[in-house]
PDB file of N, CA and C in Angstrom:
ATOM      1  N   MET A   1    -163.635  13.924-153.520  1.00  0.00           N
ATOM      2  CA  MET A   1    -163.349  12.990-152.450  1.00  0.00           C
ATOM      3  C   MET A   1    -164.065  13.465-151.178  1.00  0.00           C
ATOM      4  N   ARG A   2    -164.856  12.594-150.599  1.00  0.00           N
ATOM      5  CA  ARG A   2    -165.541  12.969-149.361  1.00  0.00           C
ATOM      6  C   ARG A   2    -164.604  12.834-148.167  1.00  0.00           C
ATOM      7  N   SER A   3    -164.990  13.413-147.062  1.00  0.00           N
ATOM      8  CA  SER A   3    -164.139  13.379-145.869  1.00  0.00           C
ATOM      9  C   SER A   3    -164.094  11.964-145.280  1.00  0.00           C
ATOM     10  N   PHE A   4    -163.080  11.738-144.463  1.00  0.00           N
ATOM     11  CA  PHE A   4    -162.950  10.439-143.805  1.00  0.00           C
ATOM     12  C   PHE A   4    -164.144  10.182-142.889  1.00  0.00           C
ATOM     13  N   TYR A   5    -164.608  11.222-142.218  1.00  0.00           N
ATOM     14  CA  TYR A   5    -165.791  11.101-141.347  1.00  0.00           C
ATOM     15  C   TYR A   5    -166.980  10.558-142.145  1.00  0.00           C
ATOM     16  N   HIS A   6    -167.255  11.138-143.294  1.00  0.00           N
ATOM     17  CA  HIS A   6    -168.388  10.675-144.102  1.00  0.00           C
ATOM     18  C   HIS A   6    -168.172   9.245-144.598  1.00  0.00           C
ATOM     19  N   TYR A   7    -166.954   8.903-144.915  1.00  0.00           N
ATOM     20  CA  TYR A   7    -166.643   7.529-145.295  1.00  0.00           C
ATOM     21  C   TYR A   7    -166.958   6.571-144.141  1.00  0.00           C
ATOM     22  N   MET A   8    -166.599   6.965-142.933  1.00  0.00           N
ATOM     23  CA  MET A   8    -166.785   6.103-141.758  1.00  0.00           C
ATOM     24  C   MET A   8    -168.247   5.904-141.366  1.00  0.00           C
ATOM     25  N   MET A   9    -169.110   6.785-141.773  1.00  0.00           N
ATOM     26  CA  MET A   9    -170.512   6.674-141.372  1.00  0.00           C
ATOM     27  C   MET A   9    -171.173   5.421-141.942  1.00  0.00           C
ATOM     28  N   ARG A  10    -170.539   4.774-142.892  1.00  0.00           N
ATOM     29  CA  ARG A  10    -171.061   3.506-143.415  1.00  0.00           C
ATOM     30  C   ARG A  10    -171.057   2.404-142.352  1.00  0.00           C
ATOM     31  N   TYR A  11    -170.209   2.551-141.334  1.00  0.00           N
ATOM     32  CA  TYR A  11    -170.085   1.529-140.296  1.00  0.00           C
ATOM     33  C   TYR A  11    -171.043   1.735-139.127  1.00  0.00           C
ATOM     34  N   ARG A  12    -171.688   2.896-139.065  1.00  0.00           N
ATOM     35  CA  ARG A  12    -172.656   3.141-137.984  1.00  0.00           C
ATOM     36  C   ARG A  12    -173.871   2.247-138.187  1.00  0.00           C
ATOM     37  N   GLY A  13    -174.407   1.759-137.103  1.00  0.00           N
ATOM     38  CA  GLY A  13    -175.621   0.973-137.184  1.00  0.00           C
ATOM     39  C   GLY A  13    -175.421  -0.479-137.585  1.00  0.00           C
ATOM     40  N   ASN A  14    -174.169  -0.898-137.794  1.00  0.00           N
ATOM     41  CA  ASN A  14    -173.921  -2.313-138.095  1.00  0.00           C
ATOM     42  C   ASN A  14    -174.446  -3.168-136.955  1.00  0.00           C
ATOM     43  N   LYS A  15    -174.991  -4.301-137.289  1.00  0.00           N
ATOM     44  CA  LYS A  15    -175.494  -5.209-136.250  1.00  0.00           C
ATOM     45  C   LYS A  15    -174.355  -5.823-135.461  1.00  0.00           C
ATOM     46  N   THR A  16    -173.220  -6.008-136.112  1.00  0.00           N
ATOM     47  CA  THR A  16    -172.051  -6.560-135.444  1.00  0.00           C
ATOM     48  C   THR A  16    -171.347  -5.445-134.687  1.00  0.00           C
ATOM     49  N   ASN A  17    -171.090  -5.671-133.415  1.00  0.00           N
ATOM     50  CA  ASN A  17    -170.399  -4.657-132.622  1.00  0.00           C
ATOM     51  C   ASN A  17    -168.894  -4.882-132.731  1.00  0.00           C
ATOM     52  N   ASN A  18    -168.310  -4.399-133.823  1.00  0.00           N
ATOM     53  CA  ASN A  18    -166.879  -4.565-134.040  1.00  0.00           C
ATOM     54  C   ASN A  18    -166.162  -3.235-133.849  1.00  0.00           C
ATOM     55  N   GLU A  19    -164.857  -3.243-134.034  1.00  0.00           N
ATOM     56  CA  GLU A  19    -164.062  -2.034-133.811  1.00  0.00           C
ATOM     57  C   GLU A  19    -164.384  -0.933-134.817  1.00  0.00           C
ATOM     58  N   GLU A  20    -164.730  -1.317-136.037  1.00  0.00           N
ATOM     59  CA  GLU A  20    -165.100  -0.323-137.038  1.00  0.00           C
ATOM     60  C   GLU A  20    -166.342   0.441-136.591  1.00  0.00           C
ATOM     61  N   LYS A  21    -167.324  -0.292-136.103  1.00  0.00           N
ATOM     62  CA  LYS A  21    -168.552   0.341-135.615  1.00  0.00           C
ATOM     63  C   LYS A  21    -168.246   1.210-134.395  1.00  0.00           C
ATOM     64  N   GLN A  22    -167.427   0.706-133.485  1.00  0.00           N
ATOM     65  CA  GLN A  22    -167.060   1.475-132.295  1.00  0.00           C
ATOM     66  C   GLN A  22    -166.445   2.816-132.672  1.00  0.00           C
ATOM     67  N   LEU A  23    -165.511   2.792-133.616  1.00  0.00           N
ATOM     68  CA  LEU A  23    -164.843   4.015-134.032  1.00  0.00           C
ATOM     69  C   LEU A  23    -165.824   4.964-134.719  1.00  0.00           C
ATOM     70  N   ALA A  24    -166.660   4.448-135.585  1.00  0.00           N
ATOM     71  CA  ALA A  24    -167.639   5.281-136.295  1.00  0.00           C
ATOM     72  C   ALA A  24    -168.630   5.919-135.323  1.00  0.00           C
ATOM     73  N   GLU A  25    -169.109   5.144-134.362  1.00  0.00           N
ATOM     74  CA  GLU A  25    -170.060   5.681-133.379  1.00  0.00           C
ATOM     75  C   GLU A  25    -169.398   6.763-132.532  1.00  0.00           C
ATOM     76  N   TRP A  26    -168.150   6.542-132.144  1.00  0.00           N
ATOM     77  CA  TRP A  26    -167.445   7.539-131.349  1.00  0.00           C
ATOM     78  C   TRP A  26    -167.243   8.821-132.151  1.00  0.00           C
ATOM     79  N   MET A  27    -166.847   8.680-133.417  1.00  0.00           N
ATOM     80  CA  MET A  27    -166.649   9.845-134.272  1.00  0.00           C
ATOM     81  C   MET A  27    -167.947  10.640-134.401  1.00  0.00           C
ATOM     82  N   PHE A  28    -169.053   9.952-134.522  1.00  0.00           N
ATOM     83  CA  PHE A  28    -170.356  10.602-134.648  1.00  0.00           C
ATOM     84  C   PHE A  28    -170.713  11.391-133.389  1.00  0.00           C
ATOM     85  N   ARG A  29    -170.421  10.814-132.231  1.00  0.00           N
ATOM     86  CA  ARG A  29    -170.782  11.462-130.958  1.00  0.00           C
ATOM     87  C   ARG A  29    -169.796  12.541-130.518  1.00  0.00           C
ATOM     88  N   ASP A  30    -168.568  12.493-131.033  1.00  0.00           N
ATOM     89  CA  ASP A  30    -167.548  13.467-130.637  1.00  0.00           C
ATOM     90  C   ASP A  30    -167.699  14.743-131.479  1.00  0.00           C
ATOM     91  N   HIS A  31    -168.247  15.774-130.868  1.00  0.00           N
ATOM     92  CA  HIS A  31    -168.518  17.015-131.594  1.00  0.00           C
ATOM     93  C   HIS A  31    -167.249  17.773-131.975  1.00  0.00           C
ATOM     94  N   SER A  32    -166.113  17.404-131.411  1.00  0.00           N
ATOM     95  CA  SER A  32    -164.856  18.064-131.736  1.00  0.00           C
ATOM     96  C   SER A  32    -164.077  17.341-132.836  1.00  0.00           C
ATOM     97  N   PHE A  33    -164.530  16.170-133.235  1.00  0.00           N
ATOM     98  CA  PHE A  33    -163.823  15.425-134.272  1.00  0.00           C
ATOM     99  C   PHE A  33    -163.785  16.254-135.552  1.00  0.00           C
ATOM    100  N   PRO A  34    -162.631  16.298-136.231  1.00  0.00           N
ATOM    101  CA  PRO A  34    -162.527  17.095-137.468  1.00  0.00           C
ATOM    102  C   PRO A  34    -163.296  16.446-138.623  1.00  0.00           C
ATOM    103  N   LYS A  35    -164.573  16.710-138.690  1.00  0.00           N
ATOM    104  CA  LYS A  35    -165.475  16.020-139.616  1.00  0.00           C
ATOM    105  C   LYS A  35    -165.209  16.304-141.101  1.00  0.00           C
ATOM    106  N   GLN A  36    -164.553  17.403-141.414  1.00  0.00           N
ATOM    107  CA  GLN A  36    -164.271  17.720-142.818  1.00  0.00           C
ATOM    108  C   GLN A  36    -162.876  17.273-143.256  1.00  0.00           C
ATOM    109  N   ALA A  37    -162.118  16.696-142.332  1.00  0.00           N
ATOM    110  CA  ALA A  37    -160.723  16.327-142.619  1.00  0.00           C
ATOM    111  C   ALA A  37    -160.623  15.157-143.595  1.00  0.00           C
ATOM    112  N   LYS A  38    -159.638  15.276-144.465  1.00  0.00           N
ATOM    113  CA  LYS A  38    -159.300  14.201-145.399  1.00  0.00           C
ATOM    114  C   LYS A  38    -157.861  13.742-145.185  1.00  0.00           C
ATOM    115  N   SER A  39    -157.098  14.534-144.466  1.00  0.00           N
ATOM    116  CA  SER A  39    -155.675  14.300-144.265  1.00  0.00           C
ATOM    117  C   SER A  39    -155.411  13.273-143.158  1.00  0.00           C
ATOM    118  N   TYR A  40    -154.556  12.311-143.481  1.00  0.00           N
ATOM    119  CA  TYR A  40    -154.166  11.302-142.496  1.00  0.00           C
ATOM    120  C   TYR A  40    -153.567  11.966-141.262  1.00  0.00           C
ATOM    121  N   ASP A  41    -152.664  12.920-141.475  1.00  0.00           N
ATOM    122  CA  ASP A  41    -151.965  13.556-140.352  1.00  0.00           C
ATOM    123  C   ASP A  41    -152.924  14.267-139.404  1.00  0.00           C
ATOM    124  N   GLU A  42    -153.865  15.013-139.946  1.00  0.00           N
ATOM    125  CA  GLU A  42    -154.813  15.751-139.104  1.00  0.00           C
ATOM    126  C   GLU A  42    -155.654  14.800-138.251  1.00  0.00           C
ATOM    127  N   ILE A  43    -156.170  13.760-138.858  1.00  0.00           N
ATOM    128  CA  ILE A  43    -157.024  12.819-138.130  1.00  0.00           C
ATOM    129  C   ILE A  43    -156.199  12.004-137.140  1.00  0.00           C
ATOM    130  N   SER A  44    -155.033  11.575-137.557  1.00  0.00           N
ATOM    131  CA  SER A  44    -154.161  10.792-136.690  1.00  0.00           C
ATOM    132  C   SER A  44    -153.762  11.572-135.437  1.00  0.00           C
ATOM    133  N   ARG A  45    -153.394  12.839-135.617  1.00  0.00           N
ATOM    134  CA  ARG A  45    -153.037  13.671-134.461  1.00  0.00           C
ATOM    135  C   ARG A  45    -154.211  13.791-133.497  1.00  0.00           C
ATOM    136  N   TYR A  46    -155.402  13.981-134.040  1.00  0.00           N
ATOM    137  CA  TYR A  46    -156.579  14.091-133.187  1.00  0.00           C
ATOM    138  C   TYR A  46    -156.794  12.798-132.399  1.00  0.00           C
ATOM    139  N   LEU A  47    -156.684  11.674-133.082  1.00  0.00           N
ATOM    140  CA  LEU A  47    -156.897  10.383-132.421  1.00  0.00           C
ATOM    141  C   LEU A  47    -155.810  10.078-131.388  1.00  0.00           C
ATOM    142  N   GLU A  48    -154.601  10.519-131.625  1.00  0.00           N
ATOM    143  CA  GLU A  48    -153.535  10.284-130.653  1.00  0.00           C
ATOM    144  C   GLU A  48    -153.866  10.924-129.305  1.00  0.00           C
ATOM    145  N   TRP A  49    -154.523  12.052-129.339  1.00  0.00           N
ATOM    146  CA  TRP A  49    -154.880  12.756-128.098  1.00  0.00           C
ATOM    147  C   TRP A  49    -156.237  12.341-127.542  1.00  0.00           C
ATOM    148  N   ASN A  50    -157.098  11.778-128.385  1.00  0.00           N
ATOM    149  CA  ASN A  50    -158.477  11.517-127.973  1.00  0.00           C
ATOM    150  C   ASN A  50    -158.948  10.099-128.263  1.00  0.00           C
ATOM    151  N   ALA A  51    -158.048   9.147-128.333  1.00  0.00           N
ATOM    152  CA  ALA A  51    -158.413   7.776-128.712  1.00  0.00           C
ATOM    153  C   ALA A  51    -159.508   7.216-127.809  1.00  0.00           C
ATOM    154  N   PRO A  52    -160.595   6.731-128.412  1.00  0.00           N
ATOM    155  CA  PRO A  52    -161.732   6.245-127.628  1.00  0.00           C
ATOM    156  C   PRO A  52    -161.543   4.853-127.029  1.00  0.00           C
ATOM    157  N   PHE A  53    -160.624   4.060-127.581  1.00  0.00           N
ATOM    158  CA  PHE A  53    -160.338   2.728-127.051  1.00  0.00           C
ATOM    159  C   PHE A  53    -158.909   2.374-127.436  1.00  0.00           C
ATOM    160  N   PRO A  54    -158.299   1.427-126.747  1.00  0.00           N
ATOM    161  CA  PRO A  54    -156.862   1.156-126.912  1.00  0.00           C
ATOM    162  C   PRO A  54    -156.407   0.873-128.344  1.00  0.00           C
ATOM    163  N   ASN A  55    -157.185   0.203-129.123  1.00  0.00           N
ATOM    164  CA  ASN A  55    -156.780  -0.207-130.469  1.00  0.00           C
ATOM    165  C   ASN A  55    -157.266   0.770-131.551  1.00  0.00           C
ATOM    166  N   ALA A  56    -157.768   1.915-131.169  1.00  0.00           N
ATOM    167  CA  ALA A  56    -158.384   2.850-132.116  1.00  0.00           C
ATOM    168  C   ALA A  56    -157.429   3.301-133.219  1.00  0.00           C
ATOM    169  N   LEU A  57    -156.175   3.550-132.888  1.00  0.00           N
ATOM    170  CA  LEU A  57    -155.231   4.016-133.905  1.00  0.00           C
ATOM    171  C   LEU A  57    -154.935   2.942-134.945  1.00  0.00           C
ATOM    172  N   ALA A  58    -154.842   1.701-134.520  1.00  0.00           N
ATOM    173  CA  ALA A  58    -154.617   0.605-135.467  1.00  0.00           C
ATOM    174  C   ALA A  58    -155.828   0.433-136.386  1.00  0.00           C
ATOM    175  N   VAL A  59    -157.023   0.553-135.814  1.00  0.00           N
ATOM    176  CA  VAL A  59    -158.254   0.463-136.606  1.00  0.00           C
ATOM    177  C   VAL A  59    -158.294   1.610-137.610  1.00  0.00           C
ATOM    178  N   PHE A  60    -157.968   2.808-137.152  1.00  0.00           N
ATOM    179  CA  PHE A  60    -157.937   3.973-138.036  1.00  0.00           C
ATOM    180  C   PHE A  60    -156.959   3.761-139.180  1.00  0.00           C
ATOM    181  N   ASP A  61    -155.740   3.291-138.886  1.00  0.00           N
ATOM    182  CA  ASP A  61    -154.738   3.068-139.934  1.00  0.00           C
ATOM    183  C   ASP A  61    -155.270   2.135-141.016  1.00  0.00           C
ATOM    184  N   ARG A  62    -155.875   1.052-140.587  1.00  0.00           N
ATOM    185  CA  ARG A  62    -156.407   0.065-141.539  1.00  0.00           C
ATOM    186  C   ARG A  62    -157.535   0.671-142.379  1.00  0.00           C
ATOM    187  N   LEU A  63    -158.448   1.369-141.721  1.00  0.00           N
ATOM    188  CA  LEU A  63    -159.587   1.942-142.435  1.00  0.00           C
ATOM    189  C   LEU A  63    -159.177   3.116-143.327  1.00  0.00           C
ATOM    190  N   TYR A  64    -158.162   3.864-142.919  1.00  0.00           N
ATOM    191  CA  TYR A  64    -157.712   4.974-143.748  1.00  0.00           C
ATOM    192  C   TYR A  64    -157.111   4.458-145.058  1.00  0.00           C
ATOM    193  N   GLU A  65    -156.425   3.334-145.003  1.00  0.00           N
ATOM    194  CA  GLU A  65    -155.890   2.727-146.232  1.00  0.00           C
ATOM    195  C   GLU A  65    -157.022   2.359-147.181  1.00  0.00           C
ATOM    196  N   GLN A  66    -158.094   1.768-146.635  1.00  0.00           N
ATOM    197  CA  GLN A  66    -159.261   1.422-147.451  1.00  0.00           C
ATOM    198  C   GLN A  66    -159.904   2.684-148.025  1.00  0.00           C
ATOM    199  N   TYR A  67    -160.000   3.702-147.203  1.00  0.00           N
ATOM    200  CA  TYR A  67    -160.574   4.986-147.617  1.00  0.00           C
ATOM    201  C   TYR A  67    -159.815   5.549-148.812  1.00  0.00           C
ATOM    202  N   GLN A  68    -158.501   5.524-148.758  1.00  0.00           N
ATOM    203  CA  GLN A  68    -157.693   6.048-149.870  1.00  0.00           C
ATOM    204  C   GLN A  68    -157.939   5.273-151.155  1.00  0.00           C
ATOM    205  N   VAL A  69    -158.032   3.971-151.058  1.00  0.00           N
ATOM    206  CA  VAL A  69    -158.253   3.145-152.243  1.00  0.00           C
ATOM    207  C   VAL A  69    -159.637   3.401-152.821  1.00  0.00           C
ATOM    208  N   GLU A  70    -160.648   3.424-151.971  1.00  0.00           N
ATOM    209  CA  GLU A  70    -162.025   3.544-152.447  1.00  0.00           C
ATOM    210  C   GLU A  70    -162.407   4.952-152.875  1.00  0.00           C
ATOM    211  N   GLU A  71    -161.768   5.951-152.321  1.00  0.00           N
ATOM    212  CA  GLU A  71    -162.163   7.330-152.587  1.00  0.00           C
ATOM    213  C   GLU A  71    -161.345   8.003-153.684  1.00  0.00           C
ATOM    214  N   GLN A  72    -160.433   7.310-154.308  1.00  0.00           N
ATOM    215  CA  GLN A  72    -159.636   7.963-155.350  1.00  0.00           C
ATOM    216  C   GLN A  72    -160.145   7.677-156.709  1.00  0.00           C
TER     217      GLN A  72
END
């Protein structure tokens, strides 16, 4: 299973500027983001303290569910 960060990199460079792309671009630029993390709790805690935009946690929750389904 690859990390959530690597899963999210699929959204970088999308022509549509949506919340998924926003989150992926922020994760890429944030050098402190836990790039090897697979755990919901670890990533969620990080985002709670460093959320890049108001809806980031809701976007993360939705994408993490997809990540679990696709990566298992």
